[in-house]
Amino acid sequence: MNGRQAARAAAKRIEDLEITLKRAMSDIKRYNECIDGMITGQSPCEWCDDKMECQREAHTTGKGCELWMLGYEEDTDDEKNRLTAD
C-alpha cells in the first residue's frame, strides 16, 4: 500500500467514524427524550421502533409487547448515498 492508498483508506475510515458518531449522538438524544417523557408520565411507546406492530397486536390480543427498542431516525440522503456507494 502506497501513501496515497493509505491516505484514501484513512479518509474513508474517518468518514465512517463521523457517521457512527452522528448516529450515536442521535440515539443518546432520543433516549434522553424518552426518559424525560416517561418522567412526565408519557408512554415510552412513542419512541419505540415497533410501535405500529405492537398496537396492532394489542388491539387483537389485548396486551402489548414485552420488548422495547428505540426507533431510529432515517439517514440523510448524503449518508444513504455514501453508505450504498461502499
N, C-alpha and C. Protein backbone atom coordinates (compact mmCIF):
# COMPACT_ATOMS: atom_id res chain seq x y z
N MET A 1 0.85 -1.17 0.00
CA MET A 1 0.00 0.00 0.00
C MET A 1 0.90 1.24 0.00
N ASN A 2 0.66 2.11 -0.95
CA ASN A 2 1.47 3.32 -1.01
C ASN A 2 0.82 4.43 -0.18
N GLY A 3 1.45 5.57 -0.15
CA GLY A 3 0.98 6.69 0.67
C GLY A 3 -0.40 7.18 0.28
N ARG A 4 -0.68 7.25 -1.02
CA ARG A 4 -1.98 7.73 -1.48
C ARG A 4 -3.10 6.77 -1.06
N GLN A 5 -2.84 5.49 -1.23
CA GLN A 5 -3.84 4.50 -0.85
C GLN A 5 -4.10 4.55 0.65
N ALA A 6 -3.04 4.71 1.41
CA ALA A 6 -3.20 4.81 2.87
C ALA A 6 -4.00 6.05 3.25
N ALA A 7 -3.72 7.16 2.58
CA ALA A 7 -4.46 8.40 2.88
C ALA A 7 -5.93 8.25 2.52
N ARG A 8 -6.23 7.62 1.37
CA ARG A 8 -7.64 7.39 0.99
C ARG A 8 -8.34 6.48 1.99
N ALA A 9 -7.65 5.43 2.40
CA ALA A 9 -8.24 4.50 3.37
C ALA A 9 -8.49 5.21 4.71
N ALA A 10 -7.57 6.05 5.12
CA ALA A 10 -7.74 6.79 6.37
C ALA A 10 -8.90 7.77 6.26
N ALA A 11 -9.02 8.46 5.12
CA ALA A 11 -10.12 9.41 4.94
C ALA A 11 -11.46 8.70 4.95
N LYS A 12 -11.54 7.53 4.33
CA LYS A 12 -12.78 6.76 4.32
C LYS A 12 -13.13 6.31 5.73
N ARG A 13 -12.13 5.87 6.48
CA ARG A 13 -12.36 5.43 7.87
C ARG A 13 -12.85 6.60 8.72
N ILE A 14 -12.30 7.76 8.53
CA ILE A 14 -12.74 8.95 9.28
C ILE A 14 -14.20 9.27 8.95
N GLU A 15 -14.57 9.20 7.67
CA GLU A 15 -15.96 9.45 7.28
C GLU A 15 -16.89 8.45 7.94
N ASP A 16 -16.51 7.17 7.95
CA ASP A 16 -17.32 6.14 8.59
C ASP A 16 -17.49 6.41 10.08
N LEU A 17 -16.41 6.81 10.72
CA LEU A 17 -16.48 7.12 12.16
C LEU A 17 -17.36 8.34 12.43
N GLU A 18 -17.33 9.32 11.54
CA GLU A 18 -18.18 10.50 11.72
C GLU A 18 -19.65 10.13 11.62
N ILE A 19 -20.00 9.25 10.69
CA ILE A 19 -21.38 8.79 10.56
C ILE A 19 -21.80 8.03 11.81
N THR A 20 -20.94 7.16 12.30
CA THR A 20 -21.23 6.40 13.51
C THR A 20 -21.43 7.34 14.69
N LEU A 21 -20.60 8.35 14.80
CA LEU A 21 -20.71 9.32 15.88
C LEU A 21 -22.04 10.07 15.81
N LYS A 22 -22.44 10.51 14.61
CA LYS A 22 -23.71 11.22 14.45
C LYS A 22 -24.89 10.34 14.86
N ARG A 23 -24.84 9.07 14.47
CA ARG A 23 -25.92 8.15 14.84
C ARG A 23 -25.97 7.93 16.34
N ALA A 24 -24.81 7.78 16.96
CA ALA A 24 -24.76 7.58 18.41
C ALA A 24 -25.29 8.80 19.15
N MET A 25 -24.92 9.99 18.69
CA MET A 25 -25.41 11.21 19.32
C MET A 25 -26.92 11.32 19.18
N SER A 26 -27.45 10.95 18.03
CA SER A 26 -28.89 10.99 17.82
C SER A 26 -29.59 10.01 18.74
N ASP A 27 -29.04 8.81 18.89
CA ASP A 27 -29.63 7.82 19.79
C ASP A 27 -29.65 8.32 21.22
N ILE A 28 -28.56 8.90 21.66
CA ILE A 28 -28.48 9.41 23.03
C ILE A 28 -29.52 10.49 23.26
N LYS A 29 -29.69 11.39 22.30
CA LYS A 29 -30.69 12.45 22.44
C LYS A 29 -32.09 11.86 22.53
N ARG A 30 -32.39 10.85 21.69
CA ARG A 30 -33.72 10.25 21.70
C ARG A 30 -33.97 9.44 22.97
N TYR A 31 -32.95 8.76 23.47
CA TYR A 31 -33.09 8.06 24.76
C TYR A 31 -33.41 9.07 25.86
N ASN A 32 -32.71 10.19 25.88
CA ASN A 32 -32.97 11.21 26.89
C ASN A 32 -34.37 11.80 26.74
N GLU A 33 -34.84 12.01 25.50
CA GLU A 33 -36.21 12.49 25.29
C GLU A 33 -37.21 11.49 25.83
N CYS A 34 -36.96 10.22 25.60
CA CYS A 34 -37.85 9.16 26.08
C CYS A 34 -37.89 9.16 27.62
N ILE A 35 -36.73 9.24 28.23
CA ILE A 35 -36.67 9.25 29.70
C ILE A 35 -37.39 10.47 30.25
N ASP A 36 -37.15 11.64 29.67
CA ASP A 36 -37.84 12.85 30.11
C ASP A 36 -39.35 12.71 29.95
N GLY A 37 -39.77 12.13 28.83
CA GLY A 37 -41.20 11.91 28.61
C GLY A 37 -41.80 10.96 29.64
N MET A 38 -41.08 9.90 29.97
CA MET A 38 -41.59 8.96 30.96
C MET A 38 -41.69 9.61 32.34
N ILE A 39 -40.74 10.49 32.64
CA ILE A 39 -40.79 11.20 33.93
C ILE A 39 -42.05 12.06 34.01
N THR A 40 -42.45 12.63 32.87
CA THR A 40 -43.66 13.47 32.86
C THR A 40 -44.93 12.67 32.64
N GLY A 41 -44.82 11.33 32.59
CA GLY A 41 -46.00 10.49 32.50
C GLY A 41 -46.35 9.99 31.12
N GLN A 42 -45.53 10.25 30.12
CA GLN A 42 -45.80 9.77 28.77
C GLN A 42 -45.39 8.30 28.64
N SER A 43 -45.94 7.65 27.65
CA SER A 43 -45.62 6.25 27.39
C SER A 43 -44.33 6.16 26.58
N PRO A 44 -43.46 5.19 26.88
CA PRO A 44 -42.25 5.02 26.08
C PRO A 44 -42.57 4.50 24.67
N CYS A 45 -43.79 4.08 24.44
CA CYS A 45 -44.19 3.56 23.13
C CYS A 45 -44.00 4.59 22.02
N GLU A 46 -44.06 5.86 22.36
CA GLU A 46 -43.89 6.91 21.34
C GLU A 46 -42.51 6.86 20.71
N TRP A 47 -41.54 6.31 21.40
CA TRP A 47 -40.17 6.26 20.90
C TRP A 47 -39.78 4.85 20.45
N CYS A 48 -40.71 3.92 20.48
CA CYS A 48 -40.41 2.52 20.16
C CYS A 48 -40.42 2.28 18.65
N ASP A 49 -39.49 1.46 18.20
CA ASP A 49 -39.39 1.12 16.78
C ASP A 49 -40.56 0.25 16.33
N ASP A 50 -41.10 -0.56 17.22
CA ASP A 50 -42.18 -1.49 16.87
C ASP A 50 -43.56 -0.99 17.29
N LYS A 51 -43.72 0.30 17.40
CA LYS A 51 -44.97 0.86 17.92
C LYS A 51 -46.19 0.42 17.11
N MET A 52 -46.11 0.50 15.79
CA MET A 52 -47.27 0.15 14.96
C MET A 52 -47.62 -1.33 15.10
N GLU A 53 -46.63 -2.19 15.03
CA GLU A 53 -46.85 -3.62 15.16
C GLU A 53 -47.41 -3.96 16.54
N CYS A 54 -46.87 -3.34 17.55
CA CYS A 54 -47.32 -3.58 18.92
C CYS A 54 -48.77 -3.15 19.11
N GLN A 55 -49.13 -2.01 18.54
CA GLN A 55 -50.50 -1.53 18.68
C GLN A 55 -51.48 -2.46 17.98
N ARG A 56 -51.09 -3.01 16.83
CA ARG A 56 -51.96 -3.99 16.16
C ARG A 56 -52.13 -5.23 17.02
N GLU A 57 -51.04 -5.70 17.60
CA GLU A 57 -51.10 -6.89 18.45
C GLU A 57 -51.93 -6.61 19.70
N ALA A 58 -51.76 -5.44 20.29
CA ALA A 58 -52.53 -5.08 21.48
C ALA A 58 -54.01 -5.00 21.16
N HIS A 59 -54.33 -4.55 19.96
CA HIS A 59 -55.73 -4.45 19.56
C HIS A 59 -56.37 -5.83 19.41
N THR A 60 -55.61 -6.78 18.87
CA THR A 60 -56.18 -8.12 18.64
C THR A 60 -56.08 -9.01 19.86
N THR A 61 -54.98 -8.94 20.61
CA THR A 61 -54.80 -9.84 21.75
C THR A 61 -55.11 -9.19 23.08
N GLY A 62 -55.13 -7.88 23.12
CA GLY A 62 -55.42 -7.17 24.36
C GLY A 62 -54.20 -6.91 25.22
N LYS A 63 -53.00 -7.28 24.74
CA LYS A 63 -51.80 -6.98 25.51
C LYS A 63 -50.71 -6.44 24.59
N GLY A 64 -49.83 -5.69 25.17
CA GLY A 64 -48.76 -5.06 24.39
C GLY A 64 -47.52 -5.92 24.31
N CYS A 65 -46.44 -5.33 23.87
CA CYS A 65 -45.21 -6.07 23.68
C CYS A 65 -44.44 -6.23 24.99
N GLU A 66 -43.51 -7.17 24.97
CA GLU A 66 -42.65 -7.37 26.12
C GLU A 66 -41.30 -6.69 25.93
N LEU A 67 -40.94 -6.44 24.69
CA LEU A 67 -39.64 -5.84 24.39
C LEU A 67 -39.81 -4.44 23.83
N TRP A 68 -38.89 -3.57 24.20
CA TRP A 68 -38.93 -2.19 23.72
C TRP A 68 -37.59 -1.90 23.05
N MET A 69 -37.65 -1.25 21.90
CA MET A 69 -36.42 -0.89 21.20
C MET A 69 -36.56 0.52 20.65
N LEU A 70 -35.57 1.33 20.89
CA LEU A 70 -35.57 2.71 20.44
C LEU A 70 -35.67 2.75 18.92
N GLY A 71 -36.62 3.54 18.42
CA GLY A 71 -36.74 3.72 16.98
C GLY A 71 -35.57 4.52 16.45
N TYR A 72 -35.29 4.38 15.19
CA TYR A 72 -34.16 5.09 14.60
C TYR A 72 -34.66 6.15 13.65
N GLU A 73 -33.85 7.16 13.50
CA GLU A 73 -34.15 8.22 12.54
C GLU A 73 -33.54 7.83 11.21
N GLU A 74 -34.21 8.21 10.15
CA GLU A 74 -33.69 7.92 8.81
C GLU A 74 -32.41 8.71 8.58
N ASP A 75 -31.47 8.09 7.87
CA ASP A 75 -30.24 8.78 7.49
C ASP A 75 -30.57 9.88 6.48
N THR A 76 -29.72 10.87 6.45
CA THR A 76 -29.90 11.90 5.44
C THR A 76 -29.56 11.31 4.08
N ASP A 77 -29.96 11.97 3.02
CA ASP A 77 -29.69 11.48 1.66
C ASP A 77 -28.19 11.33 1.40
N ASP A 78 -27.39 12.27 1.91
CA ASP A 78 -25.94 12.20 1.71
C ASP A 78 -25.37 10.94 2.37
N GLU A 79 -25.84 10.64 3.59
CA GLU A 79 -25.34 9.46 4.28
C GLU A 79 -25.79 8.19 3.58
N LYS A 80 -27.04 8.17 3.10
CA LYS A 80 -27.54 6.99 2.38
C LYS A 80 -26.71 6.75 1.13
N ASN A 81 -26.45 7.81 0.36
CA ASN A 81 -25.66 7.67 -0.85
C ASN A 81 -24.24 7.19 -0.53
N ARG A 82 -23.68 7.69 0.50
CA ARG A 82 -22.33 7.31 0.90
C ARG A 82 -22.30 5.84 1.32
N LEU A 83 -23.29 5.41 2.11
CA LEU A 83 -23.29 4.04 2.61
C LEU A 83 -23.56 3.03 1.49
N THR A 84 -24.41 3.39 0.53
CA THR A 84 -24.71 2.47 -0.55
C THR A 84 -23.60 2.43 -1.59
N ALA A 85 -22.76 3.46 -1.65
CA ALA A 85 -21.68 3.51 -2.62
C ALA A 85 -20.52 2.59 -2.22
N ASP A 86 -20.45 2.23 -0.94
CA ASP A 86 -19.33 1.39 -0.45
C ASP A 86 -19.46 -0.04 -0.91
